[in-house]
Protein backbone atom coordinates (compact mmCIF):
# COMPACT_ATOMS: atom_id res chain seq x y z
CA MET A 1 0.07 0.20 -0.05
CA PRO A 2 1.58 3.55 -0.36
CA THR A 3 2.41 5.59 2.43
CA GLY A 4 2.05 9.14 2.75
CA VAL A 5 -1.17 8.92 5.43
CA LYS A 6 -1.95 12.17 6.61
CA LYS A 7 -1.56 12.42 10.31
CA LYS A 8 -3.25 15.51 12.52
CA GLY A 9 -1.36 18.13 12.79
CA GLN A 10 1.25 16.88 10.02
CA LYS A 11 1.91 18.58 6.59
CA ILE A 12 0.51 16.57 3.83
CA MET A 13 3.01 14.67 1.60
CA ALA A 14 3.04 13.17 -1.85
CA TYR A 15 2.10 10.06 -2.23
CA TYR A 16 4.42 7.14 -2.21
CA PHE A 17 4.73 3.10 -3.58
CA ASP A 18 6.29 1.15 -1.18
CA GLU A 19 7.21 -1.12 -3.56
CA PRO A 20 8.70 -0.43 -6.46
CA SER A 21 7.63 -1.35 -10.12
CA HIS A 22 8.25 -4.03 -12.66
CA THR A 23 8.55 -5.06 -15.94
CA PHE A 24 7.85 -8.80 -17.44
CA SER A 25 11.29 -8.93 -17.79
CA GLU A 26 11.05 -9.31 -13.97
CA TYR A 27 9.08 -12.11 -13.74
CA LEU A 28 9.04 -16.15 -14.66
CA LEU A 29 5.78 -18.47 -14.88
CA VAL A 30 6.56 -21.25 -12.44
CA PRO A 31 4.84 -24.61 -14.53
CA GLY A 32 2.06 -26.08 -13.44
CA TYR A 33 0.55 -29.79 -14.20
CA THR A 34 0.55 -30.84 -17.74
CA SER A 35 -2.34 -33.37 -18.49
CA GLU A 36 -3.05 -35.50 -21.81
CA ASP A 37 -5.07 -32.64 -22.89
CA CYS A 38 -2.37 -30.03 -22.37
CA ILE A 39 -1.43 -29.49 -26.07
CA PRO A 40 -1.26 -26.69 -27.98
CA ALA A 41 -3.76 -27.99 -30.72
CA ASN A 42 -6.23 -27.66 -28.08
CA VAL A 43 -5.48 -24.27 -26.32
CA SER A 44 -7.95 -21.49 -27.05
CA LEU A 45 -6.83 -18.00 -27.10
CA LYS A 46 -10.49 -16.47 -27.44
CA THR A 47 -10.81 -13.15 -25.40
CA PRO A 48 -13.62 -10.34 -24.84
CA LEU A 49 -12.67 -7.30 -26.89
CA VAL A 50 -15.26 -4.98 -25.54
CA LYS A 51 -17.07 -4.95 -21.90
CA TYR A 52 -20.13 -7.47 -20.98
CA LYS A 53 -22.77 -8.17 -18.27
CA LYS A 54 -22.21 -11.08 -15.83
CA GLY A 55 -23.47 -14.32 -17.82
CA GLU A 56 -23.36 -12.26 -21.31
CA LYS A 57 -21.11 -12.76 -24.48
CA PRO A 58 -19.28 -10.06 -25.04
CA ALA A 59 -20.42 -7.99 -28.52
CA ILE A 60 -17.11 -8.51 -30.03
CA GLU A 61 -15.25 -11.49 -29.09
CA MET A 62 -11.44 -12.11 -30.52
CA SER A 63 -9.82 -15.57 -31.86
CA ILE A 64 -6.17 -14.14 -30.53
CA PRO A 65 -5.38 -11.54 -27.52
CA LEU A 66 -3.82 -9.05 -29.98
CA VAL A 67 -4.61 -5.72 -31.40
CA SER A 68 -2.45 -3.48 -33.42
CA ALA A 69 -1.20 0.14 -32.30
CA ILE A 70 -2.66 3.05 -33.03
CA MET A 71 0.17 4.80 -35.05
CA GLN A 72 1.10 6.00 -38.65
CA SER A 73 3.90 3.62 -39.03
CA VAL A 74 1.51 0.46 -37.87
CA SER A 75 -2.03 0.24 -38.65
CA ASN A 76 -3.30 1.15 -41.99
CA ASP A 77 -6.05 -0.62 -43.89
CA THR A 78 -3.17 -3.16 -45.08
CA MET A 79 -2.61 -4.37 -41.62
CA ALA A 80 -6.12 -4.35 -40.56
CA ILE A 81 -7.17 -6.85 -43.18
CA ALA A 82 -4.07 -9.06 -42.30
CA LEU A 83 -4.58 -8.80 -38.59
CA ALA A 84 -8.33 -9.72 -38.93
CA LYS A 85 -7.50 -12.92 -41.26
CA GLU A 86 -5.46 -13.99 -38.12
CA GLY A 87 -8.69 -13.28 -35.87
CA GLY A 88 -7.20 -10.06 -34.12
CA VAL A 89 -8.02 -6.10 -34.50
CA SER A 90 -6.38 -3.69 -36.13
CA PHE A 91 -7.32 -0.04 -34.73
CA ILE A 92 -6.41 2.18 -37.95
CA TYR A 93 -4.02 5.67 -36.62
CA GLY A 94 -6.22 8.68 -36.35
CA SER A 95 -3.28 10.93 -36.65
CA GLN A 96 -4.66 11.67 -40.22
CA SER A 97 -7.34 13.90 -41.42
CA ILE A 98 -11.14 12.56 -40.51
CA GLU A 99 -11.94 11.74 -44.48
CA ASP A 100 -8.51 9.57 -45.07
CA GLU A 101 -9.24 7.41 -42.17
CA ALA A 102 -12.73 6.79 -43.02
CA ALA A 103 -11.74 5.85 -46.06
CA MET A 104 -9.47 3.21 -44.76
CA VAL A 105 -12.10 1.71 -42.90
CA ALA A 106 -14.14 1.90 -45.78
CA ARG A 107 -11.74 -0.23 -47.59
CA VAL A 108 -11.13 -2.74 -44.69
CA LYS A 109 -15.26 -2.81 -44.84
CA SER A 110 -15.36 -3.39 -48.45
CA TYR A 111 -12.84 -5.83 -48.65
CA LYS A 112 -14.28 -9.56 -49.78
CA ALA A 113 -12.20 -12.34 -47.99
CA GLY A 114 -10.36 -13.86 -51.08
CA PHE A 115 -10.97 -10.69 -53.77
CA VAL A 116 -7.91 -8.73 -53.84
CA VAL A 117 -8.06 -5.03 -55.12
CA SER A 118 -4.87 -5.50 -57.39
CA ASP A 119 -1.79 -3.39 -56.16
CA SER A 120 0.60 -4.45 -58.99
CA ASN A 121 -0.89 -2.25 -62.43
CA LEU A 122 0.77 -0.94 -65.63
CA THR A 123 -0.07 0.09 -68.98
CA PRO A 124 0.73 -1.28 -72.51
CA GLU A 125 3.26 1.24 -72.85
CA ASN A 126 5.46 0.82 -69.84
CA THR A 127 8.30 -1.51 -70.20
CA LEU A 128 10.24 -4.57 -69.01
CA ALA A 129 12.07 -2.28 -66.66
CA ASP A 130 8.65 -1.04 -65.09
CA VAL A 131 7.86 -4.69 -64.91
CA VAL A 132 10.66 -5.46 -62.48
CA ALA A 133 10.90 -2.23 -60.22
CA LEU A 134 7.18 -3.04 -59.49
CA VAL A 135 7.95 -6.83 -58.47
CA GLU A 136 10.66 -5.64 -56.29
CA GLN A 137 8.88 -2.85 -55.09
CA THR A 138 5.78 -5.38 -54.43
CA GLY A 139 7.07 -9.02 -53.98
CA HIS A 140 4.27 -9.82 -56.43
CA ASN A 141 4.42 -11.60 -59.76
CA THR A 142 0.83 -10.93 -61.57
CA ILE A 143 0.50 -7.65 -62.86
CA ALA A 144 -3.15 -6.18 -63.95
CA ILE A 145 -2.27 -4.33 -66.99
CA THR A 146 -5.17 -1.44 -67.95
CA ASP A 147 -5.65 0.82 -69.76
CA ASP A 148 -4.52 3.57 -67.47
CA GLY A 149 -2.80 1.70 -64.83
CA THR A 150 -4.96 1.90 -62.28
CA PRO A 151 -6.82 -0.88 -60.05
CA ASN A 152 -9.66 -0.50 -61.86
CA GLY A 153 -9.09 0.42 -65.27
CA THR A 154 -10.23 -1.41 -68.32
CA LEU A 155 -8.76 -5.12 -68.44
CA LEU A 156 -6.29 -5.06 -70.92
CA GLY A 157 -3.76 -8.14 -70.26
CA ILE A 158 -1.94 -9.74 -67.44
CA VAL A 159 1.99 -10.13 -67.00
CA THR A 160 3.57 -13.02 -65.07
CA SER A 161 7.21 -14.39 -64.39
CA ARG A 162 6.09 -16.94 -67.28
CA ASP A 163 5.79 -14.03 -69.58
CA TYR A 164 9.13 -12.66 -69.72
CA ARG A 165 12.70 -13.17 -69.45
CA ILE A 166 15.14 -10.07 -68.15
CA SER A 167 18.42 -12.17 -69.55
CA ARG A 168 16.90 -12.33 -72.90
CA MET A 169 15.28 -8.84 -73.13
CA SER A 170 15.68 -5.54 -73.62
CA GLY A 171 14.50 -3.35 -70.83
CA ASP A 172 12.83 -0.76 -73.31
CA VAL A 173 10.22 -3.38 -74.72
CA ARG A 174 6.93 -2.41 -74.50
CA VAL A 175 4.70 -4.47 -71.86
CA LYS A 176 1.92 -4.65 -74.79
CA GLU A 177 4.61 -7.02 -76.72
CA PHE A 178 4.55 -9.53 -74.14
CA MET A 179 1.96 -9.75 -72.09
CA THR A 180 -0.79 -12.43 -72.33
CA PRO A 181 -3.67 -10.35 -73.69
CA ARG A 182 -7.48 -10.28 -72.79
CA GLU A 183 -8.84 -12.23 -75.42
CA ARG A 184 -6.54 -15.11 -74.27
CA LEU A 185 -7.44 -14.52 -70.52
CA ILE A 186 -9.99 -16.50 -68.57
CA THR A 187 -12.14 -14.03 -66.40
CA ALA A 188 -15.05 -13.98 -64.11
CA PRO A 189 -18.18 -11.48 -64.30
CA SER A 190 -19.04 -9.07 -60.88
CA GLY A 191 -21.45 -11.17 -58.53
CA THR A 192 -19.37 -14.30 -59.04
CA THR A 193 -18.79 -15.87 -55.51
CA LEU A 194 -15.48 -16.98 -54.31
CA LYS A 195 -16.73 -20.64 -54.33
CA ALA A 196 -17.09 -20.35 -57.59
CA ALA A 197 -14.15 -18.40 -58.69
CA ASN A 198 -12.04 -21.10 -56.82
CA ASP A 199 -13.81 -23.36 -58.99
CA ILE A 200 -12.65 -21.76 -61.94
CA ILE A 201 -8.95 -21.38 -60.91
CA TRP A 202 -9.21 -25.43 -60.07
CA GLU A 203 -10.72 -26.97 -63.25
CA ASN A 204 -8.53 -24.14 -65.70
CA LYS A 205 -5.38 -24.81 -63.65
CA LEU A 206 -5.05 -21.22 -62.98
CA ASN A 207 -2.92 -19.07 -60.84
CA SER A 208 -5.17 -16.34 -60.83
CA LEU A 209 -8.72 -15.15 -62.19
CA PRO A 210 -9.61 -11.70 -62.71
CA ILE A 211 -12.96 -10.26 -61.84
CA ILE A 212 -14.73 -7.75 -64.01
CA ASP A 213 -17.94 -5.61 -64.70
CA ASN A 214 -19.92 -5.60 -67.72
CA ASN A 215 -17.57 -2.43 -69.08
CA GLY A 216 -14.72 -4.92 -69.18
CA LYS A 217 -13.32 -2.82 -65.77
CA LEU A 218 -11.21 -4.60 -63.58
CA LEU A 219 -12.67 -4.94 -59.68
CA TYR A 220 -10.71 -7.64 -57.83
CA MET A 221 -8.16 -10.43 -58.71
CA VAL A 222 -8.88 -13.87 -56.82
CA PHE A 223 -5.45 -16.37 -56.46
CA ARG A 224 -5.60 -19.50 -56.09
CA LYS A 225 -2.75 -19.30 -52.71
CA ASP A 226 -5.54 -17.28 -51.30
CA TYR A 227 -7.94 -20.35 -51.34
CA SER A 228 -5.11 -21.99 -49.34
CA GLU A 229 -4.81 -18.94 -46.77
CA HIS A 230 -8.52 -18.74 -46.59
CA LYS A 231 -8.39 -22.46 -45.23
CA ASP A 232 -5.36 -21.62 -43.08
CA ASN A 233 -7.02 -18.90 -41.07
CA PRO A 234 -10.49 -20.34 -39.71
CA GLY A 235 -10.43 -17.71 -36.92
CA GLU A 236 -10.85 -14.74 -38.89
CA LEU A 237 -12.49 -12.07 -37.51
CA LEU A 238 -15.65 -11.53 -39.20
CA ASP A 239 -18.58 -9.13 -38.73
CA ASP A 240 -22.67 -10.87 -39.18
CA GLN A 241 -22.13 -9.53 -42.33
CA LYS A 242 -19.11 -11.65 -43.16
CA ARG A 243 -16.68 -8.31 -43.19
CA TYR A 244 -13.60 -8.27 -41.71
CA ILE A 245 -13.97 -6.46 -38.29
CA VAL A 246 -11.70 -3.52 -38.11
CA GLY A 247 -10.79 -0.27 -35.09
CA ALA A 248 -10.08 2.98 -35.58
CA GLY A 249 -8.25 5.73 -33.60
CA ILE A 250 -10.00 8.73 -32.26
CA ASN A 251 -8.52 11.81 -30.29
CA THR A 252 -10.26 14.06 -27.33
CA LEU A 253 -10.46 17.01 -29.68
CA ASP A 254 -12.44 16.28 -33.20
CA TYR A 255 -14.50 13.24 -31.93
CA GLU A 256 -17.71 15.26 -32.74
CA LYS A 257 -16.84 14.95 -36.04
CA ARG A 258 -14.60 12.10 -36.39
CA VAL A 259 -16.34 9.51 -34.60
CA PRO A 260 -19.94 10.09 -37.03
CA ALA A 261 -17.39 9.99 -39.96
CA LEU A 262 -16.03 6.54 -38.58
CA VAL A 263 -19.01 4.71 -37.62
CA GLU A 264 -20.86 5.38 -41.10
CA ALA A 265 -17.49 4.07 -42.73
CA GLY A 266 -18.22 1.08 -40.78
CA ALA A 267 -15.77 0.98 -38.08
CA ASP A 268 -16.80 -1.98 -35.61
CA VAL A 269 -15.06 -0.52 -32.31
CA LEU A 270 -12.92 2.79 -31.63
CA CYS A 271 -9.98 3.55 -28.97
CA ILE A 272 -9.31 7.14 -27.90
CA ASP A 273 -5.70 7.75 -28.64
CA SER A 274 -3.75 9.59 -25.56
CA SER A 275 -0.28 9.27 -23.98
CA GLU A 276 -2.50 9.63 -20.17
CA GLY A 277 -6.53 8.56 -20.34
CA TYR A 278 -7.40 9.64 -16.50
CA SER A 279 -8.09 13.39 -17.74
CA CYS A 280 -11.64 15.14 -18.11
CA TRP A 281 -11.00 14.90 -21.95
CA GLN A 282 -11.58 11.08 -21.84
CA LYS A 283 -14.49 11.35 -20.03
CA LYS A 284 -15.80 14.13 -22.14
CA THR A 285 -15.40 12.05 -25.19
CA LEU A 286 -17.12 9.23 -23.63
CA ASP A 287 -19.95 11.58 -22.52
CA PHE A 288 -20.31 12.53 -26.46
CA ILE A 289 -20.61 8.83 -27.68
CA ARG A 290 -22.87 7.51 -24.65
CA LYS A 291 -24.98 10.55 -25.54
CA THR A 292 -25.50 10.41 -29.44
CA TYR A 293 -24.71 6.33 -30.05
CA GLY A 294 -26.25 5.07 -26.64
CA ASP A 295 -23.84 1.37 -25.87
CA LYS A 296 -24.11 0.85 -29.86
CA VAL A 297 -20.56 2.32 -30.42
CA LYS A 298 -17.95 0.32 -28.88
CA VAL A 299 -14.95 2.59 -27.49
CA GLY A 300 -11.80 1.83 -25.71
CA ALA A 301 -9.91 4.58 -23.60
CA GLY A 302 -6.37 5.04 -22.19
CA ASN A 303 -4.00 4.77 -20.93
CA VAL A 304 -3.95 4.50 -17.44
CA VAL A 305 -1.20 3.05 -14.83
CA ASP A 306 -3.36 2.37 -11.63
CA ARG A 307 -6.61 1.12 -9.96
CA ASP A 308 -8.10 5.02 -9.82
CA GLY A 309 -7.45 5.37 -13.52
CA PHE A 310 -9.18 2.28 -14.69
CA LEU A 311 -12.16 3.07 -12.15
CA PHE A 312 -12.40 6.69 -13.68
CA LEU A 313 -12.46 5.39 -17.17
CA ALA A 314 -14.74 2.26 -16.44
CA GLU A 315 -17.21 4.59 -14.84
CA ALA A 316 -16.96 6.85 -17.52
CA GLY A 317 -18.05 3.92 -20.10
CA ALA A 318 -15.36 3.00 -21.55
CA ASP A 319 -15.53 -0.36 -23.50
CA PHE A 320 -11.86 -1.66 -22.34
CA VAL A 321 -9.08 0.33 -20.80
CA LYS A 322 -5.73 0.62 -21.86
CA VAL A 323 -2.80 -0.15 -19.49
CA GLY A 324 0.55 1.37 -20.17
CA ILE A 325 2.67 5.06 -20.03
CA GLY A 326 6.29 5.11 -21.15
CA GLY A 327 6.55 1.18 -22.04
CA GLY A 328 6.77 1.45 -25.58
CA SER A 329 10.10 0.91 -27.39
CA ILE A 330 10.10 4.52 -29.00
CA CYS A 331 8.48 6.02 -26.07
CA ILE A 332 10.50 8.35 -23.94
CA THR A 333 7.72 9.82 -22.15
CA ARG A 334 9.33 8.86 -18.84
CA GLU A 335 12.26 10.23 -19.88
CA GLN A 336 10.93 13.55 -21.01
CA LYS A 337 8.21 14.05 -18.34
CA GLY A 338 9.23 11.64 -15.30
CA ILE A 339 6.09 10.06 -15.84
CA GLY A 340 4.67 6.03 -15.81
CA ARG A 341 5.36 2.75 -14.35
CA GLY A 342 6.60 -0.20 -14.95
CA GLN A 343 4.42 -2.14 -17.10
CA ALA A 344 4.04 -5.23 -15.03
CA THR A 345 3.19 -3.83 -12.15
CA ALA A 346 0.63 -1.01 -13.58
CA LEU A 347 -1.02 -3.95 -15.10
CA ILE A 348 -1.17 -6.34 -11.73
CA ASP A 349 -2.79 -3.23 -10.33
CA VAL A 350 -5.30 -2.39 -13.06
CA VAL A 351 -6.39 -6.16 -13.29
CA LYS A 352 -7.08 -6.23 -9.55
CA ALA A 353 -9.21 -3.16 -10.35
CA ARG A 354 -11.21 -4.70 -12.83
CA ASP A 355 -12.06 -8.29 -11.10
CA GLU A 356 -13.65 -5.66 -8.16
CA TYR A 357 -15.41 -3.65 -10.18
CA PHE A 358 -16.99 -7.30 -12.04
CA GLU A 359 -17.61 -8.54 -8.85
CA LYS A 360 -19.33 -5.09 -7.49
CA THR A 361 -21.29 -4.40 -10.94
CA GLY A 362 -21.66 -7.17 -12.70
CA VAL A 363 -19.77 -5.80 -15.53
CA TYR A 364 -16.66 -7.01 -17.06
CA VAL A 365 -14.63 -4.27 -18.54
CA PRO A 366 -11.51 -5.51 -20.80
CA VAL A 367 -7.64 -4.71 -19.96
CA CYS A 368 -5.49 -3.88 -22.87
CA SER A 369 -1.91 -4.11 -21.86
CA ASP A 370 -0.02 -0.96 -23.76
CA GLY A 371 3.95 -1.47 -24.36
CA GLY A 372 6.14 -3.71 -22.90
CA ILE A 373 6.39 -6.50 -25.08
CA VAL A 374 9.94 -7.21 -26.29
CA HIS A 375 9.83 -10.74 -25.92
CA ASP A 376 7.50 -12.93 -27.53
CA TYR A 377 7.04 -14.63 -23.36
CA HIS A 378 6.07 -11.47 -22.49
CA MET A 379 3.08 -12.05 -24.17
CA THR A 380 2.02 -15.06 -21.99
CA LEU A 381 3.25 -13.29 -18.61
CA ALA A 382 1.08 -10.37 -19.70
CA LEU A 383 -2.09 -12.73 -20.04
CA ALA A 384 -1.10 -14.58 -17.04
CA MET A 385 -1.01 -11.22 -15.02
CA GLY A 386 -4.71 -10.71 -16.22
CA ALA A 387 -4.35 -8.95 -19.35
CA ASP A 388 -7.49 -9.57 -21.37
CA PHE A 389 -5.32 -9.18 -25.07
CA MET A 390 -2.22 -6.89 -25.66
CA MET A 391 -1.69 -4.13 -27.76
CA LEU A 392 1.35 -3.76 -30.32
CA GLY A 393 3.97 -1.24 -32.16
CA ARG A 394 7.21 -2.38 -32.49
CA TYR A 395 6.05 -6.26 -32.95
CA PHE A 396 3.41 -5.53 -36.04
CA ALA A 397 5.78 -2.98 -37.59
CA ARG A 398 8.21 -5.43 -39.03
CA PHE A 399 6.03 -6.96 -41.16
CA ASP A 400 5.22 -7.08 -44.29
CA GLU A 401 1.47 -5.59 -43.98
CA SER A 402 2.81 -2.26 -41.86
CA PRO A 403 2.34 0.72 -44.14
CA THR A 404 6.48 1.93 -44.04
CA SER A 405 9.22 1.37 -46.39
CA LYS A 406 11.79 -1.88 -46.42
CA LEU A 407 14.87 -0.21 -46.85
CA ASN A 408 18.57 -2.28 -46.92
CA ILE A 409 20.67 -0.53 -44.46
CA ASN A 410 24.37 -1.83 -44.55
CA GLY A 411 23.11 -4.84 -45.71
CA THR A 412 20.10 -5.78 -43.23
CA TYR A 413 16.57 -4.92 -44.07
CA VAL A 414 14.26 -2.67 -42.39
CA LYS A 415 11.13 -0.99 -42.00
CA GLU A 416 10.84 2.97 -39.90
CA TYR A 417 9.09 2.94 -37.04
CA TRP A 418 8.57 6.05 -35.42
CA GLY A 419 6.55 7.30 -32.39
CA GLU A 420 3.13 9.45 -32.33
CA GLY A 421 4.94 11.86 -29.93
CA SER A 422 8.16 12.38 -32.48
CA ASN A 423 8.46 15.17 -34.68
CA ARG A 424 8.04 13.19 -37.67
CA ALA A 425 4.29 11.84 -36.55
CA ARG A 426 3.25 15.19 -34.95
CA ASN A 427 0.50 13.81 -33.26
CA TRP A 428 0.06 16.78 -30.88
CA GLN A 429 -3.56 16.15 -30.33
CA ARG A 430 -2.37 12.69 -28.54
CA TYR A 431 -0.57 14.89 -25.82
CA ASP A 432 -2.86 17.77 -25.56
CA LEU A 433 -3.52 19.03 -22.43
CA GLY A 434 -5.93 21.93 -23.62
CA GLY A 435 -2.52 24.04 -24.86
CA LYS A 436 -1.46 25.36 -28.14
CA SER A 437 -2.18 23.21 -31.29
CA SER A 438 1.36 22.18 -31.88
CA LEU A 439 3.67 19.12 -30.49
CA ALA A 440 6.11 21.07 -27.69
CA PHE A 441 8.53 18.75 -27.07
CA GLU A 442 8.98 15.17 -28.42
CA GLU A 443 7.39 12.00 -26.58
CA GLY A 444 8.37 9.29 -29.16
CA VAL A 445 11.72 8.59 -32.06
CA ASP A 446 11.85 7.67 -35.22
CA SER A 447 13.74 4.86 -35.69
CA TYR A 448 14.22 1.70 -37.90
CA VAL A 449 13.01 -2.20 -36.53
CA THR A 450 14.68 -5.31 -38.22
CA TYR A 451 12.19 -6.76 -41.01
CA ALA A 452 10.51 -9.87 -40.22
CA GLY A 453 8.38 -10.98 -43.24
CA SER A 454 5.10 -11.68 -43.47
CA LEU A 455 2.74 -11.28 -40.35
CA HIS A 456 0.94 -14.68 -41.21
CA ASP A 457 4.31 -16.23 -40.09
CA ASN A 458 5.40 -14.37 -37.16
CA VAL A 459 1.92 -14.35 -35.45
CA ALA A 460 1.64 -18.03 -36.15
CA LYS A 461 5.05 -18.51 -34.38
CA SER A 462 4.85 -15.97 -31.80
CA LEU A 463 1.32 -17.40 -30.42
CA TYR A 464 2.54 -21.39 -31.15
CA LYS A 465 5.20 -20.38 -27.94
CA VAL A 466 2.06 -18.52 -26.20
CA LYS A 467 0.36 -22.02 -26.54
CA SER A 468 3.03 -24.00 -25.50
CA THR A 469 3.83 -22.53 -22.24
CA MET A 470 0.43 -22.17 -21.41
CA CYS A 471 0.42 -26.40 -21.76
CA ASN A 472 3.24 -25.87 -19.29
CA CYS A 473 1.29 -24.05 -17.20
CA GLY A 474 -1.45 -26.80 -17.19
CA VAL A 475 -4.06 -24.87 -18.80
CA THR A 476 -5.63 -24.79 -22.23
CA ASN A 477 -7.74 -21.40 -22.34
CA ILE A 478 -6.99 -17.67 -21.14
CA PRO A 479 -9.40 -17.83 -18.19
CA ASP A 480 -7.92 -20.60 -16.69
CA LEU A 481 -3.95 -18.96 -16.96
CA GLN A 482 -5.51 -15.65 -15.42
CA LYS A 483 -6.96 -17.74 -12.38
CA ASN A 484 -4.19 -20.45 -12.24
CA ALA A 485 -0.61 -19.18 -13.26
CA LYS A 486 2.33 -18.96 -10.87
CA ILE A 487 4.26 -16.31 -11.04
CA THR A 488 7.76 -15.47 -9.65
CA LEU A 489 9.84 -12.26 -9.00
CA VAL A 490 13.01 -13.01 -10.19
CA SER A 491 16.74 -11.49 -9.14
CA ALA A 492 19.29 -9.80 -12.01
CA THR A 493 21.13 -12.70 -11.45
CA SER A 494 18.46 -15.03 -12.60
CA ILE A 495 17.66 -12.82 -15.00
CA VAL A 496 21.41 -13.57 -17.10
CA GLU A 497 20.60 -17.36 -16.30
CA GLY A 498 18.06 -17.33 -18.14
CA GLY A 499 19.87 -16.98 -21.58
CA TYR A 500 23.18 -18.57 -22.58
CA HIS A 501 25.95 -18.11 -20.47
CA ASP A 502 29.66 -20.16 -19.86
CA VAL A 503 29.56 -21.18 -23.70
CA MET A 504 31.19 -19.74 -26.76
CA LEU A 505 28.65 -19.46 -29.23
CA LYS A 506 29.16 -20.89 -32.45
CA THR A 507 29.46 -18.88 -35.66
CA ALA A 508 28.99 -19.13 -39.57
CA LYS A 509 32.94 -18.48 -39.98
CA GLN A 510 35.16 -19.98 -37.57
């Protein structure tokens, strides 16, 4: 318990916490009994995204406990689609115009699973050099050739790797000279179902199938590989109209205009993006949403690091509460302002408040752990400590699906990653305290993260680790992990012991 109790005649003191705050790296899980049923294949990672009453089901339940951070360098419509396929939710960044954010949300909601808007397009007048450059840029070997080079222009042909040989052709040869022309292509009309499209692909031994309208304009591409991908993602997160679920970030300034636009665009859940959530500004935002939409519009709030902050937001009507200040890899809030709390300690404190609130009111308000995840095992620790899900930035920024550029720096592929409080993002709305409309000082940095490949492969690997660890703890679902986990605080020496030591690592060159 904090010290600083006021006694009669004494001067009021600051509020001190007796215990130091800790990070995830200072804890380990202690194994429980592993039965025959405790195998990764039997583990469920389903978890609530929004609040619900005792005995009821949450309006939105995720298949995996992961959401992507509300950041320019992390969450756009591409990320949202990719993460929804895995069963999580992406919160599209709010530090852009209302129109642009709403358009991103609309693109996610209009996306049909298996029907892909072509991102590789050229005109017949482009050259082989243009083809090679586009393939290098996108990594996609199928290029739709349209009259105007746009994704929805009149389809004139297709170029794949089978249509050209770089070693035998000049870079200035026109696309029209080697493309497969429209008259030799097998296409399908608008309205074709995904099942019918896949049947055409398999019957004709195709790798891709263009979907065109009555005027010959390209609508979508259906790829053979996506059929298998769809089968590999049974946990994909869909609404009642079979559209992908998507979140969107909002701020405490233009919410009266931004929220209606995002709701109209189809956003399933919103989240107030702020460095500190225990404020009158967040309550005003929540009050507006509840007065305007009731409980129909789902909105999370935060960030907070203690019991008081959680109770404030829960009572204000938040559908989930984010925990964490200063724990992100690019966040320098603690360095700049000396405010925050160790992520593990903050989470433990807030979870206790959540459980007490549930016991008292019968309303369960999910807790999102935001920040502090350095290693995959930190995910399991966060869940064991009571988090319902985690918001990740750096983790997702490394993948193909993030909106930033992939660069080669000194022989290593990296992706750009910057904080919302950096000069590059200039997201002053996130840090606004009723002052001037500008970023007074930085609370984030501009950086690189090592490129890691596709989201699908990496998420599958990370979550397999989580499932495996849960089996070691003798549980097969998140509620049981939260109830039965045994967690120990470790010494600095124990942390060193946990990695390789007292050996000489083998290298490629000896």
